[in-house]
Amino acid sequence: MEEVFNENYSNIYDLINKDKDYQKETNYINELIQNHRKNAKSILDLGCGTGIHDELLYDKGYEMCGVDMSPKMLQIAKKRIRSRGKKIDLVCSDITKLDLNKKYDVVISLFHVMSYQNNNEKILKAFSTAKKHLKANGIFIFDFWYGPGVISDKPFTRIKRVENENIKCLRLSESTMCSETNCVDVSFEMYVSSKTNDSKVDITKETHRMRYFFDPELKLISDLSEFKLMKRYKWLTFDKPDFSTWNAVWILENK
């Protein structure tokens, strides 16, 4: 697979996701933490992107460390966070190779980062990273593409248009499912034009391979990684996932 979240995509990432309710998601994650590890003080975020979740969790009083493999995403995060005088550690690393020699009360991984770990070797290494950085009885919270929902409501071609005061962006996404790997190849084409010169259009293409998981295989991966399953929910709810669920969240305890 080609590199994903290259510089061009990273530059428009926050614009593409401007309708994402980061505050609602942060409140939800905070509630999960308070329900399961009320005295938690430190959080490691695997796959932090431009660091918006990290900043909002920092505002709730947590010590934060964000990790991402995209230098450009982290550059955007650092510029915004430092301009606001906040102290958040940011580390550039592949999460499957991370070793900070430090342990946290909570490890989180949001916006389907675990689904980017699209083969058994990657997902096992990512779980190993989470375990290595958790204190005893710490918790690992992650969301992912939920297999029953993906199979029941198959992905389709989507078009998204967004703009700000400077640029207009159109993103076309087309998906191809692979039954042998439980993966979906999502091919993005992004067309970005300046509002002052719309005759010039920058085109970026990326393919993101996303794995969808079923409960039995994810339970096996958790057991092999010596985690205990605490809770499983539909994302942003406290209901159990079902065939209408595309995005699920699991909470694991470090045994």
Protein backbone atom coordinates (compact mmCIF):
# COMPACT_ATOMS: atom_id res chain seq x y z
CA MET A 1 0.00 0.00 0.00
CA GLU A 2 1.12 3.56 -0.73
CA GLU A 3 1.82 6.10 1.98
CA VAL A 4 -1.29 7.59 3.54
CA PHE A 5 -1.82 11.01 5.11
CA ASN A 6 0.90 12.55 2.97
CA GLU A 7 1.61 16.27 3.17
CA ASN A 8 -1.16 17.30 0.76
CA TYR A 9 -3.83 15.29 2.58
CA SER A 10 -2.55 16.42 5.98
CA ASN A 11 -2.87 20.06 4.92
CA ILE A 12 -6.62 19.66 4.31
CA TYR A 13 -7.31 17.00 6.97
CA ASP A 14 -8.90 19.35 9.50
CA LEU A 15 -10.97 21.03 6.78
CA ILE A 16 -12.22 17.67 5.49
CA ASN A 17 -13.22 16.74 9.03
CA LYS A 18 -14.58 20.12 10.13
CA ASP A 19 -18.02 18.57 10.76
CA LYS A 20 -16.54 16.03 13.20
CA ASP A 21 -17.77 16.76 16.73
CA TYR A 22 -14.47 16.49 18.60
CA GLN A 23 -15.94 17.96 21.79
CA LYS A 24 -18.74 15.37 21.91
CA GLU A 25 -16.24 12.57 21.29
CA THR A 26 -13.90 13.91 23.98
CA ASN A 27 -16.75 14.11 26.48
CA TYR A 28 -17.64 10.51 25.65
CA ILE A 29 -14.06 9.26 26.08
CA ASN A 30 -13.80 11.15 29.35
CA GLU A 31 -17.02 9.50 30.55
CA LEU A 32 -15.66 6.05 29.64
CA ILE A 33 -12.47 6.80 31.56
CA GLN A 34 -14.35 8.12 34.59
CA ASN A 35 -16.60 5.05 34.57
CA HIS A 36 -13.70 2.61 34.51
CA ARG A 37 -10.59 4.39 35.88
CA LYS A 38 -11.87 7.38 37.83
CA ASN A 39 -8.47 8.42 39.16
CA ALA A 40 -6.70 8.29 35.77
CA LYS A 41 -4.38 11.21 35.21
CA SER A 42 -2.26 10.34 32.14
CA ILE A 43 -3.27 9.34 28.60
CA LEU A 44 -1.27 8.10 25.62
CA ASP A 45 -3.02 8.65 22.27
CA LEU A 46 -1.95 6.25 19.51
CA GLY A 47 -2.60 7.90 16.15
CA CYS A 48 -3.33 11.42 17.36
CA GLY A 49 -3.47 13.11 13.93
CA THR A 50 -3.55 16.88 14.35
CA GLY A 51 -4.03 16.53 18.10
CA ILE A 52 -7.53 17.95 18.60
CA HIS A 53 -8.69 15.14 20.92
CA ASP A 54 -5.45 15.52 22.87
CA GLU A 55 -5.95 19.24 23.35
CA LEU A 56 -9.53 18.81 24.54
CA LEU A 57 -8.56 16.02 26.95
CA TYR A 58 -5.71 18.20 28.24
CA ASP A 59 -8.33 20.86 28.96
CA LYS A 60 -10.09 18.29 31.16
CA GLY A 61 -6.96 17.95 33.29
CA TYR A 62 -5.19 14.93 31.77
CA GLU A 63 -1.46 14.69 31.11
CA MET A 64 -1.36 13.96 27.38
CA CYS A 65 1.07 12.38 24.95
CA GLY A 66 0.08 12.05 21.29
CA VAL A 67 1.80 9.78 18.76
CA ASP A 68 1.43 9.84 14.98
CA MET A 69 3.51 8.62 12.05
CA SER A 70 2.76 11.68 9.88
CA PRO A 71 5.32 14.47 10.41
CA LYS A 72 3.01 16.99 8.74
CA MET A 73 0.05 16.13 10.98
CA LEU A 74 2.25 16.61 14.04
CA GLN A 75 3.61 19.87 12.68
CA ILE A 76 0.03 21.17 12.44
CA ALA A 77 -0.71 19.90 15.96
CA LYS A 78 2.42 21.47 17.47
CA LYS A 79 1.78 24.86 15.89
CA ARG A 80 -1.78 25.06 17.22
CA ILE A 81 -1.07 23.59 20.67
CA ARG A 82 2.01 25.74 21.32
CA SER A 83 0.21 28.90 20.18
CA ARG A 84 -2.27 28.24 22.99
CA GLY A 85 0.41 27.65 25.60
CA LYS A 86 -0.52 24.02 26.30
CA LYS A 87 2.02 21.38 27.32
CA ILE A 88 1.31 18.21 25.36
CA ASP A 89 4.02 15.76 24.34
CA LEU A 90 3.93 14.86 20.63
CA VAL A 91 5.97 12.01 19.18
CA CYS A 92 6.48 11.01 15.55
CA SER A 93 6.45 7.22 15.32
CA ASP A 94 4.77 4.20 13.79
CA ILE A 95 2.64 2.96 16.69
CA THR A 96 3.70 -0.65 16.02
CA LYS A 97 7.32 0.34 16.79
CA LEU A 98 6.80 2.78 19.65
CA ASP A 99 8.75 2.48 22.90
CA LEU A 100 8.59 5.55 25.15
CA ASN A 101 9.87 3.76 28.26
CA LYS A 102 6.94 5.29 30.15
CA LYS A 103 3.59 3.99 31.39
CA TYR A 104 0.19 5.67 31.39
CA ASP A 105 -3.13 5.20 33.14
CA VAL A 106 -5.00 5.08 29.84
CA VAL A 107 -4.11 4.37 26.21
CA ILE A 108 -6.58 5.55 23.58
CA SER A 109 -6.69 5.09 19.82
CA LEU A 110 -9.48 6.89 17.99
CA PHE A 111 -10.91 7.55 14.54
CA HIS A 112 -10.38 3.93 13.43
CA VAL A 113 -6.60 3.87 13.86
CA MET A 114 -6.83 0.20 14.85
CA SER A 115 -8.59 -0.55 11.54
CA TYR A 116 -5.50 0.82 9.79
CA GLN A 117 -3.63 -2.09 11.41
CA ASN A 118 -4.92 -4.20 8.57
CA ASN A 119 -3.16 -7.53 9.05
CA ASN A 120 -2.61 -9.80 12.04
CA GLU A 121 1.02 -8.81 12.54
CA LYS A 122 0.20 -5.10 12.70
CA ILE A 123 -2.77 -5.41 15.04
CA LEU A 124 -0.85 -7.66 17.42
CA LYS A 125 2.06 -5.21 17.46
CA ALA A 126 -0.30 -2.28 18.07
CA PHE A 127 -1.90 -4.12 21.00
CA SER A 128 1.58 -4.94 22.30
CA THR A 129 2.45 -1.23 22.17
CA ALA A 130 -0.67 -0.37 24.15
CA LYS A 131 0.09 -3.01 26.78
CA LYS A 132 3.74 -1.99 27.09
CA HIS A 133 2.73 1.60 27.85
CA LEU A 134 -0.05 0.85 30.34
CA LYS A 135 0.25 0.76 34.11
CA ALA A 136 -1.07 -2.29 35.93
CA ASN A 137 -4.86 -2.37 35.56
CA GLY A 138 -4.71 0.52 33.11
CA ILE A 139 -7.26 0.60 30.31
CA PHE A 140 -7.03 0.61 26.51
CA ILE A 141 -9.90 2.34 24.68
CA PHE A 142 -10.12 2.11 20.89
CA ASP A 143 -12.72 2.35 18.17
CA PHE A 144 -12.79 0.40 14.90
CA TRP A 145 -14.86 -0.64 11.90
CA TYR A 146 -17.32 -3.25 13.17
CA GLY A 147 -17.63 -6.25 10.84
CA PRO A 148 -21.37 -7.03 11.15
CA GLY A 149 -22.26 -3.44 10.30
CA VAL A 150 -19.82 -3.18 7.38
CA ILE A 151 -21.15 -6.43 5.87
CA SER A 152 -24.79 -5.41 6.40
CA ASP A 153 -24.40 -1.87 5.08
CA LYS A 154 -21.63 -2.08 2.51
CA PRO A 155 -19.56 1.02 1.73
CA PHE A 156 -20.45 3.02 -1.37
CA THR A 157 -19.08 5.90 -3.42
CA ARG A 158 -19.24 9.22 -1.57
CA ILE A 159 -18.62 12.83 -2.52
CA LYS A 160 -17.79 15.48 0.05
CA ARG A 161 -17.45 19.20 -0.57
CA VAL A 162 -15.93 21.58 1.97
CA GLU A 163 -14.42 25.04 1.91
CA ASN A 164 -12.92 27.76 4.05
CA GLU A 165 -12.06 31.39 3.37
CA ASN A 166 -9.15 30.39 1.11
CA ILE A 167 -9.86 27.11 -0.68
CA LYS A 168 -12.54 24.80 -1.97
CA CYS A 169 -12.12 21.04 -1.72
CA LEU A 170 -13.96 18.11 -3.27
CA ARG A 171 -13.20 14.60 -2.06
CA LEU A 172 -14.35 11.52 -3.94
CA SER A 173 -14.10 8.21 -2.09
CA GLU A 174 -14.62 4.82 -3.72
CA SER A 175 -14.43 1.53 -1.79
CA THR A 176 -13.48 -2.00 -2.78
CA MET A 177 -14.13 -4.86 -0.35
CA CYS A 178 -11.88 -7.92 -0.03
CA SER A 179 -13.52 -10.93 1.60
CA GLU A 180 -10.21 -12.78 2.06
CA THR A 181 -8.66 -10.14 4.29
CA ASN A 182 -11.75 -8.50 5.87
CA CYS A 183 -10.47 -5.22 4.46
CA VAL A 184 -11.87 -2.32 2.47
CA ASP A 185 -9.62 -0.33 0.15
CA VAL A 186 -10.90 3.24 0.27
CA SER A 187 -9.54 5.23 -2.68
CA PHE A 188 -9.61 8.99 -2.19
CA GLU A 189 -9.30 11.63 -4.90
CA MET A 190 -9.14 15.19 -3.59
CA TYR A 191 -9.44 18.29 -5.75
CA VAL A 192 -8.36 21.52 -4.07
CA SER A 193 -8.67 24.94 -5.69
CA SER A 194 -7.90 28.43 -4.48
CA LYS A 195 -10.80 30.85 -4.21
CA THR A 196 -8.60 33.53 -5.77
CA ASN A 197 -7.43 31.29 -8.64
CA ASP A 198 -9.86 28.44 -9.26
CA SER A 199 -8.22 27.64 -12.60
CA LYS A 200 -5.42 25.92 -10.66
CA VAL A 201 -6.53 22.63 -9.09
CA ASP A 202 -4.28 20.43 -6.93
CA ILE A 203 -5.15 16.75 -7.11
CA THR A 204 -4.19 14.27 -4.38
CA LYS A 205 -4.83 10.53 -4.52
CA GLU A 206 -4.47 8.03 -1.67
CA THR A 207 -5.75 4.53 -0.95
CA HIS A 208 -6.45 3.64 2.68
CA ARG A 209 -6.79 -0.06 3.52
CA MET A 210 -9.17 -0.48 6.46
CA ARG A 211 -9.79 -3.72 8.31
CA TYR A 212 -13.16 -4.50 9.86
CA PHE A 213 -13.20 -6.74 12.92
CA PHE A 214 -15.65 -9.28 14.31
CA ASP A 215 -16.06 -9.95 18.02
CA PRO A 216 -14.53 -13.47 18.14
CA GLU A 217 -11.31 -12.50 16.31
CA LEU A 218 -10.90 -9.31 18.30
CA LYS A 219 -11.49 -11.22 21.53
CA LEU A 220 -8.78 -13.69 20.48
CA ILE A 221 -6.37 -10.84 19.70
CA SER A 222 -7.15 -9.30 23.10
CA ASP A 223 -6.58 -12.62 24.88
CA LEU A 224 -3.30 -13.22 23.06
CA SER A 225 -2.20 -9.74 24.08
CA GLU A 226 -3.18 -10.45 27.70
CA PHE A 227 -5.98 -7.91 27.91
CA LYS A 228 -9.31 -8.44 29.64
CA LEU A 229 -12.43 -7.25 27.82
CA MET A 230 -14.39 -4.86 30.05
CA LYS A 231 -17.03 -3.30 27.81
CA ARG A 232 -18.04 -3.03 24.15
CA TYR A 233 -20.32 -0.31 22.81
CA LYS A 234 -21.62 1.39 19.73
CA TRP A 235 -19.46 4.46 19.32
CA LEU A 236 -20.79 7.47 21.27
CA THR A 237 -23.40 5.33 23.06
CA PHE A 238 -23.63 2.80 25.88
CA ASP A 239 -25.52 0.30 23.72
CA LYS A 240 -24.11 -2.99 22.47
CA PRO A 241 -23.00 -3.08 18.81
CA ASP A 242 -25.36 -4.76 16.35
CA PHE A 243 -25.82 -5.21 12.61
CA SER A 244 -26.50 -1.48 12.20
CA THR A 245 -23.17 -0.54 13.83
CA TRP A 246 -20.29 0.61 11.65
CA ASN A 247 -18.19 2.10 14.43
CA ALA A 248 -17.70 0.23 17.72
CA VAL A 249 -15.54 0.92 20.76
CA TRP A 250 -13.92 -1.57 23.13
CA ILE A 251 -12.50 -1.01 26.59
CA LEU A 252 -9.77 -3.46 27.62
CA GLU A 253 -8.01 -3.81 30.97
CA ASN A 254 -4.32 -4.54 31.28
CA LYS A 255 -4.18 -7.81 33.23
